Amino acid sequence: MGALTVTLPQSLMDKLDQVARKTDLPAKMLDAAAEVMMPELKRRLHSSIKNESSGDLEKSITKGKAHMDSKGVWREAIYFDGYDKKGIPNARKAMSMEWGTSNQVAAPFIRPTKESKNSEAIAAEQAVYDKEVG
């Protein structure tokens, strides 16, 4: 019986080796994307709340650390940290604004941020990749 052996070109093998050695590359890429998203998120939140707030919700926007989840997918969260002066979690306030409540009309700002900056965030990730791997 005949056999067919297929090998990868050496230039591709070199690039794959280079990527494998850069264990911080996914984190750098996600950080670049988060840096694109955060200012837009703050801007949209600010325009949603206008003068109705002390600005504590805007200040609570936090970028988490990039990490690999249990399924091997790299993730980094941008979230609302802490509590307001009344003890209400900032994350709950943000979700109430995003989705609305029985007493509050929805004023989405998270989804529109993602939709408007998604391609720019991907481009930032690609730029980091190209710079690191070449």
N, C-alpha and C. Protein backbone atom coordinates (compact mmCIF):
# COMPACT_ATOMS: atom_id res chain seq x y z
N MET A 1 0.86 -1.17 0.00
CA MET A 1 0.00 0.00 0.00
C MET A 1 0.90 1.23 0.00
N GLY A 2 0.56 2.21 -0.82
CA GLY A 2 1.33 3.43 -0.93
C GLY A 2 1.04 4.38 0.23
N ALA A 3 1.94 5.27 0.48
CA ALA A 3 1.78 6.26 1.53
C ALA A 3 2.04 7.65 0.96
N LEU A 4 1.34 8.58 1.48
CA LEU A 4 1.53 9.97 1.08
C LEU A 4 1.89 10.77 2.31
N THR A 5 2.99 11.44 2.27
CA THR A 5 3.43 12.26 3.40
C THR A 5 3.31 13.72 3.00
N VAL A 6 2.63 14.48 3.83
CA VAL A 6 2.46 15.90 3.59
C VAL A 6 3.14 16.65 4.73
N THR A 7 3.93 17.63 4.39
CA THR A 7 4.60 18.43 5.41
C THR A 7 4.26 19.90 5.20
N LEU A 8 4.33 20.64 6.27
CA LEU A 8 4.09 22.08 6.19
C LEU A 8 5.36 22.78 5.72
N PRO A 9 5.21 23.87 4.99
CA PRO A 9 6.39 24.62 4.57
C PRO A 9 7.15 25.14 5.80
N GLN A 10 8.45 25.22 5.69
CA GLN A 10 9.28 25.65 6.82
C GLN A 10 8.90 27.05 7.31
N SER A 11 8.54 27.96 6.41
CA SER A 11 8.17 29.32 6.83
C SER A 11 6.93 29.29 7.73
N LEU A 12 5.96 28.44 7.40
CA LEU A 12 4.77 28.30 8.23
C LEU A 12 5.12 27.63 9.55
N MET A 13 5.97 26.64 9.52
CA MET A 13 6.40 25.98 10.76
C MET A 13 7.10 26.98 11.69
N ASP A 14 7.92 27.86 11.11
CA ASP A 14 8.60 28.87 11.91
C ASP A 14 7.61 29.83 12.56
N LYS A 15 6.58 30.24 11.81
CA LYS A 15 5.57 31.13 12.36
C LYS A 15 4.78 30.44 13.47
N LEU A 16 4.40 29.19 13.26
CA LEU A 16 3.66 28.44 14.28
C LEU A 16 4.51 28.27 15.53
N ASP A 17 5.79 28.02 15.36
CA ASP A 17 6.70 27.91 16.50
C ASP A 17 6.78 29.23 17.25
N GLN A 18 6.83 30.32 16.50
CA GLN A 18 6.91 31.64 17.10
C GLN A 18 5.64 31.93 17.91
N VAL A 19 4.47 31.60 17.38
CA VAL A 19 3.21 31.81 18.08
C VAL A 19 3.15 30.95 19.34
N ALA A 20 3.58 29.71 19.24
CA ALA A 20 3.54 28.81 20.40
C ALA A 20 4.41 29.32 21.54
N ARG A 21 5.48 29.99 21.23
CA ARG A 21 6.37 30.51 22.28
C ARG A 21 5.83 31.77 22.94
N LYS A 22 4.90 32.45 22.30
CA LYS A 22 4.34 33.70 22.82
C LYS A 22 3.06 33.39 23.59
N THR A 23 3.19 32.96 24.81
CA THR A 23 2.01 32.59 25.60
C THR A 23 1.21 33.81 26.02
N ASP A 24 1.79 35.00 25.95
CA ASP A 24 1.06 36.20 26.33
C ASP A 24 0.37 36.88 25.14
N LEU A 25 0.49 36.31 23.96
CA LEU A 25 -0.09 36.90 22.76
C LEU A 25 -1.61 37.04 22.84
N PRO A 26 -2.37 36.01 23.23
CA PRO A 26 -3.83 36.20 23.31
C PRO A 26 -4.22 37.30 24.29
N ALA A 27 -3.53 37.40 25.42
CA ALA A 27 -3.83 38.44 26.39
C ALA A 27 -3.56 39.82 25.82
N LYS A 28 -2.46 39.97 25.10
CA LYS A 28 -2.14 41.26 24.47
C LYS A 28 -3.21 41.63 23.43
N MET A 29 -3.65 40.65 22.68
CA MET A 29 -4.67 40.91 21.66
C MET A 29 -5.98 41.34 22.30
N LEU A 30 -6.38 40.65 23.37
CA LEU A 30 -7.63 41.00 24.06
C LEU A 30 -7.52 42.36 24.73
N ASP A 31 -6.36 42.69 25.27
CA ASP A 31 -6.15 44.01 25.87
C ASP A 31 -6.33 45.10 24.83
N ALA A 32 -5.82 44.87 23.63
CA ALA A 32 -5.95 45.85 22.55
C ALA A 32 -7.42 46.07 22.19
N ALA A 33 -8.17 44.99 22.15
CA ALA A 33 -9.60 45.10 21.84
C ALA A 33 -10.34 45.84 22.95
N ALA A 34 -10.00 45.55 24.20
CA ALA A 34 -10.64 46.21 25.33
C ALA A 34 -10.35 47.71 25.32
N GLU A 35 -9.15 48.08 24.91
CA GLU A 35 -8.79 49.51 24.84
C GLU A 35 -9.61 50.24 23.77
N VAL A 36 -10.09 49.52 22.79
CA VAL A 36 -10.97 50.12 21.79
C VAL A 36 -12.38 50.24 22.35
N MET A 37 -12.84 49.23 23.07
CA MET A 37 -14.21 49.19 23.55
C MET A 37 -14.49 50.12 24.74
N MET A 38 -13.56 50.22 25.67
CA MET A 38 -13.82 50.95 26.92
C MET A 38 -14.19 52.43 26.72
N PRO A 39 -13.45 53.20 25.93
CA PRO A 39 -13.85 54.60 25.76
C PRO A 39 -15.24 54.76 25.15
N GLU A 40 -15.56 53.90 24.20
CA GLU A 40 -16.88 53.97 23.56
C GLU A 40 -17.97 53.58 24.55
N LEU A 41 -17.72 52.59 25.38
CA LEU A 41 -18.69 52.19 26.40
C LEU A 41 -18.94 53.35 27.37
N LYS A 42 -17.88 53.99 27.82
CA LYS A 42 -18.02 55.13 28.73
C LYS A 42 -18.78 56.27 28.06
N ARG A 43 -18.46 56.53 26.80
CA ARG A 43 -19.13 57.61 26.08
C ARG A 43 -20.63 57.35 25.94
N ARG A 44 -20.97 56.12 25.57
CA ARG A 44 -22.39 55.78 25.40
C ARG A 44 -23.13 55.77 26.74
N LEU A 45 -22.48 55.28 27.77
CA LEU A 45 -23.11 55.30 29.10
C LEU A 45 -23.34 56.74 29.53
N HIS A 46 -22.34 57.58 29.35
CA HIS A 46 -22.46 58.99 29.75
C HIS A 46 -23.61 59.67 29.02
N SER A 47 -23.75 59.40 27.73
CA SER A 47 -24.83 60.03 26.98
C SER A 47 -26.20 59.45 27.37
N SER A 48 -26.22 58.23 27.88
CA SER A 48 -27.49 57.63 28.32
C SER A 48 -27.96 58.22 29.65
N ILE A 49 -27.01 58.47 30.56
CA ILE A 49 -27.42 58.94 31.89
C ILE A 49 -27.41 60.46 32.00
N LYS A 50 -26.67 61.14 31.13
CA LYS A 50 -26.57 62.60 31.11
C LYS A 50 -26.32 63.13 32.51
N ASN A 51 -27.19 63.95 33.03
CA ASN A 51 -26.97 64.58 34.34
C ASN A 51 -27.74 63.88 35.45
N GLU A 52 -28.20 62.68 35.21
CA GLU A 52 -29.01 61.97 36.19
C GLU A 52 -28.18 61.20 37.20
N SER A 53 -26.87 61.30 37.14
CA SER A 53 -26.03 60.44 37.97
C SER A 53 -24.82 61.21 38.48
N SER A 54 -24.20 60.64 39.50
CA SER A 54 -22.98 61.22 40.06
C SER A 54 -21.75 60.81 39.27
N GLY A 55 -21.89 59.89 38.33
CA GLY A 55 -20.76 59.42 37.55
C GLY A 55 -20.11 58.18 38.14
N ASP A 56 -20.66 57.69 39.24
CA ASP A 56 -20.08 56.50 39.88
C ASP A 56 -20.16 55.27 38.99
N LEU A 57 -21.24 55.15 38.22
CA LEU A 57 -21.37 53.99 37.34
C LEU A 57 -20.30 54.02 36.25
N GLU A 58 -20.03 55.21 35.72
CA GLU A 58 -18.97 55.34 34.72
C GLU A 58 -17.61 54.97 35.32
N LYS A 59 -17.37 55.41 36.53
CA LYS A 59 -16.09 55.13 37.20
C LYS A 59 -15.93 53.66 37.54
N SER A 60 -17.04 52.94 37.62
CA SER A 60 -16.97 51.53 38.01
C SER A 60 -16.60 50.61 36.86
N ILE A 61 -16.54 51.13 35.63
CA ILE A 61 -16.19 50.30 34.47
C ILE A 61 -14.75 49.80 34.65
N THR A 62 -14.59 48.49 34.63
CA THR A 62 -13.32 47.85 34.93
C THR A 62 -13.00 46.81 33.87
N LYS A 63 -11.73 46.71 33.55
CA LYS A 63 -11.27 45.69 32.60
C LYS A 63 -10.67 44.55 33.41
N GLY A 64 -11.15 43.34 33.18
CA GLY A 64 -10.61 42.16 33.86
C GLY A 64 -9.32 41.70 33.22
N LYS A 65 -8.77 40.62 33.76
CA LYS A 65 -7.56 40.03 33.18
C LYS A 65 -7.96 39.00 32.13
N ALA A 66 -7.20 38.97 31.07
CA ALA A 66 -7.42 37.96 30.05
C ALA A 66 -7.05 36.60 30.63
N HIS A 67 -7.88 35.62 30.32
CA HIS A 67 -7.61 34.26 30.81
C HIS A 67 -8.23 33.25 29.87
N MET A 68 -7.76 32.03 29.97
CA MET A 68 -8.31 30.94 29.18
C MET A 68 -9.35 30.23 30.04
N ASP A 69 -10.55 30.06 29.51
CA ASP A 69 -11.59 29.38 30.28
C ASP A 69 -11.41 27.86 30.21
N SER A 70 -12.32 27.14 30.83
CA SER A 70 -12.20 25.69 30.92
C SER A 70 -12.33 24.99 29.56
N LYS A 71 -12.86 25.69 28.57
CA LYS A 71 -13.01 25.11 27.23
C LYS A 71 -11.87 25.53 26.30
N GLY A 72 -10.88 26.23 26.83
CA GLY A 72 -9.73 26.64 26.02
C GLY A 72 -9.94 27.91 25.23
N VAL A 73 -10.98 28.67 25.56
CA VAL A 73 -11.27 29.93 24.87
C VAL A 73 -10.72 31.09 25.70
N TRP A 74 -9.98 31.97 25.05
CA TRP A 74 -9.44 33.15 25.74
C TRP A 74 -10.54 34.19 25.86
N ARG A 75 -10.64 34.79 27.06
CA ARG A 75 -11.68 35.79 27.33
C ARG A 75 -11.11 36.92 28.17
N GLU A 76 -11.72 38.08 28.00
CA GLU A 76 -11.42 39.21 28.88
C GLU A 76 -12.72 39.99 29.02
N ALA A 77 -13.08 40.30 30.23
CA ALA A 77 -14.35 40.97 30.49
C ALA A 77 -14.14 42.45 30.79
N ILE A 78 -15.09 43.23 30.35
CA ILE A 78 -15.23 44.61 30.79
C ILE A 78 -16.51 44.61 31.61
N TYR A 79 -16.42 45.02 32.86
CA TYR A 79 -17.57 44.87 33.74
C TYR A 79 -17.72 46.09 34.65
N PHE A 80 -18.82 46.13 35.37
CA PHE A 80 -19.12 47.21 36.30
C PHE A 80 -18.85 46.69 37.71
N ASP A 81 -17.86 47.26 38.34
CA ASP A 81 -17.38 46.77 39.63
C ASP A 81 -17.97 47.58 40.78
N GLY A 82 -18.18 46.93 41.90
CA GLY A 82 -18.55 47.63 43.13
C GLY A 82 -20.02 47.92 43.29
N TYR A 83 -20.30 48.79 44.25
CA TYR A 83 -21.66 49.13 44.66
C TYR A 83 -21.81 50.65 44.70
N ASP A 84 -23.05 51.12 44.57
CA ASP A 84 -23.27 52.56 44.71
C ASP A 84 -23.43 52.90 46.19
N LYS A 85 -23.74 54.15 46.47
CA LYS A 85 -23.84 54.62 47.86
C LYS A 85 -24.99 53.96 48.63
N LYS A 86 -25.98 53.44 47.90
CA LYS A 86 -27.12 52.78 48.53
C LYS A 86 -26.90 51.29 48.68
N GLY A 87 -25.76 50.79 48.23
CA GLY A 87 -25.46 49.36 48.32
C GLY A 87 -25.96 48.53 47.15
N ILE A 88 -26.38 49.19 46.08
CA ILE A 88 -26.86 48.47 44.90
C ILE A 88 -25.66 48.16 44.00
N PRO A 89 -25.53 46.90 43.55
CA PRO A 89 -24.40 46.56 42.67
C PRO A 89 -24.44 47.37 41.37
N ASN A 90 -23.30 47.90 40.99
CA ASN A 90 -23.21 48.66 39.74
C ASN A 90 -23.57 47.80 38.54
N ALA A 91 -23.25 46.52 38.59
CA ALA A 91 -23.59 45.62 37.48
C ALA A 91 -25.11 45.53 37.32
N ARG A 92 -25.83 45.51 38.43
CA ARG A 92 -27.29 45.45 38.36
C ARG A 92 -27.85 46.74 37.75
N LYS A 93 -27.28 47.87 38.15
CA LYS A 93 -27.73 49.15 37.60
C LYS A 93 -27.49 49.20 36.09
N ALA A 94 -26.33 48.72 35.66
CA ALA A 94 -26.01 48.73 34.24
C ALA A 94 -26.97 47.83 33.46
N MET A 95 -27.25 46.65 33.98
CA MET A 95 -28.16 45.73 33.30
C MET A 95 -29.59 46.28 33.29
N SER A 96 -29.97 46.98 34.34
CA SER A 96 -31.30 47.61 34.36
C SER A 96 -31.41 48.67 33.29
N MET A 97 -30.32 49.40 33.10
CA MET A 97 -30.32 50.41 32.03
C MET A 97 -30.36 49.72 30.67
N GLU A 98 -29.56 48.70 30.51
CA GLU A 98 -29.45 48.02 29.20
C GLU A 98 -30.77 47.36 28.79
N TRP A 99 -31.41 46.67 29.71
CA TRP A 99 -32.58 45.87 29.38
C TRP A 99 -33.90 46.48 29.85
N GLY A 100 -33.82 47.45 30.77
CA GLY A 100 -35.02 48.05 31.32
C GLY A 100 -35.58 47.21 32.47
N THR A 101 -36.49 47.80 33.19
CA THR A 101 -37.18 47.12 34.29
C THR A 101 -38.66 47.48 34.19
N SER A 102 -39.43 47.01 35.14
CA SER A 102 -40.85 47.37 35.12
C SER A 102 -41.05 48.87 35.37
N ASN A 103 -40.07 49.52 35.98
CA ASN A 103 -40.16 50.96 36.27
C ASN A 103 -39.24 51.82 35.41
N GLN A 104 -38.42 51.20 34.57
CA GLN A 104 -37.42 51.95 33.82
C GLN A 104 -37.38 51.47 32.37
N VAL A 105 -37.45 52.41 31.47
CA VAL A 105 -37.37 52.10 30.05
C VAL A 105 -35.93 51.74 29.70
N ALA A 106 -35.74 50.75 28.86
CA ALA A 106 -34.40 50.33 28.46
C ALA A 106 -33.69 51.45 27.72
N ALA A 107 -32.42 51.61 28.04
CA ALA A 107 -31.55 52.57 27.34
C ALA A 107 -30.26 51.83 27.01
N PRO A 108 -30.30 50.97 25.98
CA PRO A 108 -29.14 50.14 25.67
C PRO A 108 -27.89 50.97 25.36
N PHE A 109 -26.78 50.54 25.92
CA PHE A 109 -25.50 51.18 25.62
C PHE A 109 -24.40 50.14 25.48
N ILE A 110 -24.58 48.94 26.00
CA ILE A 110 -23.56 47.90 25.91
C ILE A 110 -23.58 47.26 24.51
N ARG A 111 -24.75 46.79 24.10
CA ARG A 111 -24.87 46.15 22.78
C ARG A 111 -24.48 47.11 21.65
N PRO A 112 -24.97 48.36 21.68
CA PRO A 112 -24.55 49.27 20.61
C PRO A 112 -23.04 49.53 20.59
N THR A 113 -22.42 49.51 21.76
CA THR A 113 -20.96 49.66 21.81
C THR A 113 -20.30 48.51 21.08
N LYS A 114 -20.72 47.30 21.41
CA LYS A 114 -20.13 46.11 20.77
C LYS A 114 -20.35 46.15 19.26
N GLU A 115 -21.56 46.48 18.85
CA GLU A 115 -21.87 46.49 17.43
C GLU A 115 -21.08 47.56 16.67
N SER A 116 -20.88 48.72 17.29
CA SER A 116 -20.21 49.80 16.57
C SER A 116 -18.70 49.66 16.54
N LYS A 117 -18.12 49.00 17.55
CA LYS A 117 -16.67 48.93 17.65
C LYS A 117 -16.09 47.54 17.40
N ASN A 118 -16.94 46.58 17.04
CA ASN A 118 -16.47 45.20 16.87
C ASN A 118 -15.38 45.08 15.81
N SER A 119 -15.61 45.66 14.63
CA SER A 119 -14.60 45.53 13.57
C SER A 119 -13.32 46.28 13.93
N GLU A 120 -13.44 47.40 14.63
CA GLU A 120 -12.26 48.15 15.06
C GLU A 120 -11.47 47.34 16.11
N ALA A 121 -12.18 46.66 16.99
CA ALA A 121 -11.52 45.84 18.01
C ALA A 121 -10.80 44.66 17.36
N ILE A 122 -11.42 44.04 16.37
CA ILE A 122 -10.79 42.93 15.66
C ILE A 122 -9.54 43.43 14.92
N ALA A 123 -9.63 44.62 14.34
CA ALA A 123 -8.47 45.20 13.66
C ALA A 123 -7.33 45.46 14.65
N ALA A 124 -7.66 45.90 15.86
CA ALA A 124 -6.64 46.14 16.89
C ALA A 124 -5.99 44.82 17.29
N GLU A 125 -6.79 43.76 17.43
CA GLU A 125 -6.24 42.45 17.74
C GLU A 125 -5.32 41.97 16.62
N GLN A 126 -5.75 42.16 15.37
CA GLN A 126 -4.95 41.73 14.22
C GLN A 126 -3.63 42.50 14.17
N ALA A 127 -3.67 43.79 14.50
CA ALA A 127 -2.45 44.59 14.50
C ALA A 127 -1.45 44.08 15.53
N VAL A 128 -1.93 43.69 16.70
CA VAL A 128 -1.05 43.14 17.73
C VAL A 128 -0.46 41.82 17.23
N TYR A 129 -1.31 40.99 16.65
CA TYR A 129 -0.83 39.71 16.12
C TYR A 129 0.24 39.92 15.06
N ASP A 130 -0.04 40.81 14.10
CA ASP A 130 0.93 41.07 13.03
C ASP A 130 2.25 41.61 13.56
N LYS A 131 2.15 42.47 14.57
CA LYS A 131 3.37 43.03 15.16
C LYS A 131 4.18 41.96 15.87
N GLU A 132 3.51 41.09 16.59
CA GLU A 132 4.20 40.07 17.39
C GLU A 132 4.71 38.92 16.53
N VAL A 133 3.92 38.50 15.56
CA VAL A 133 4.27 37.32 14.78
C VAL A 133 4.92 37.71 13.45
N GLY A 134 4.42 38.78 12.87
CA GLY A 134 5.02 39.28 11.64
C GLY A 134 4.60 38.51 10.48
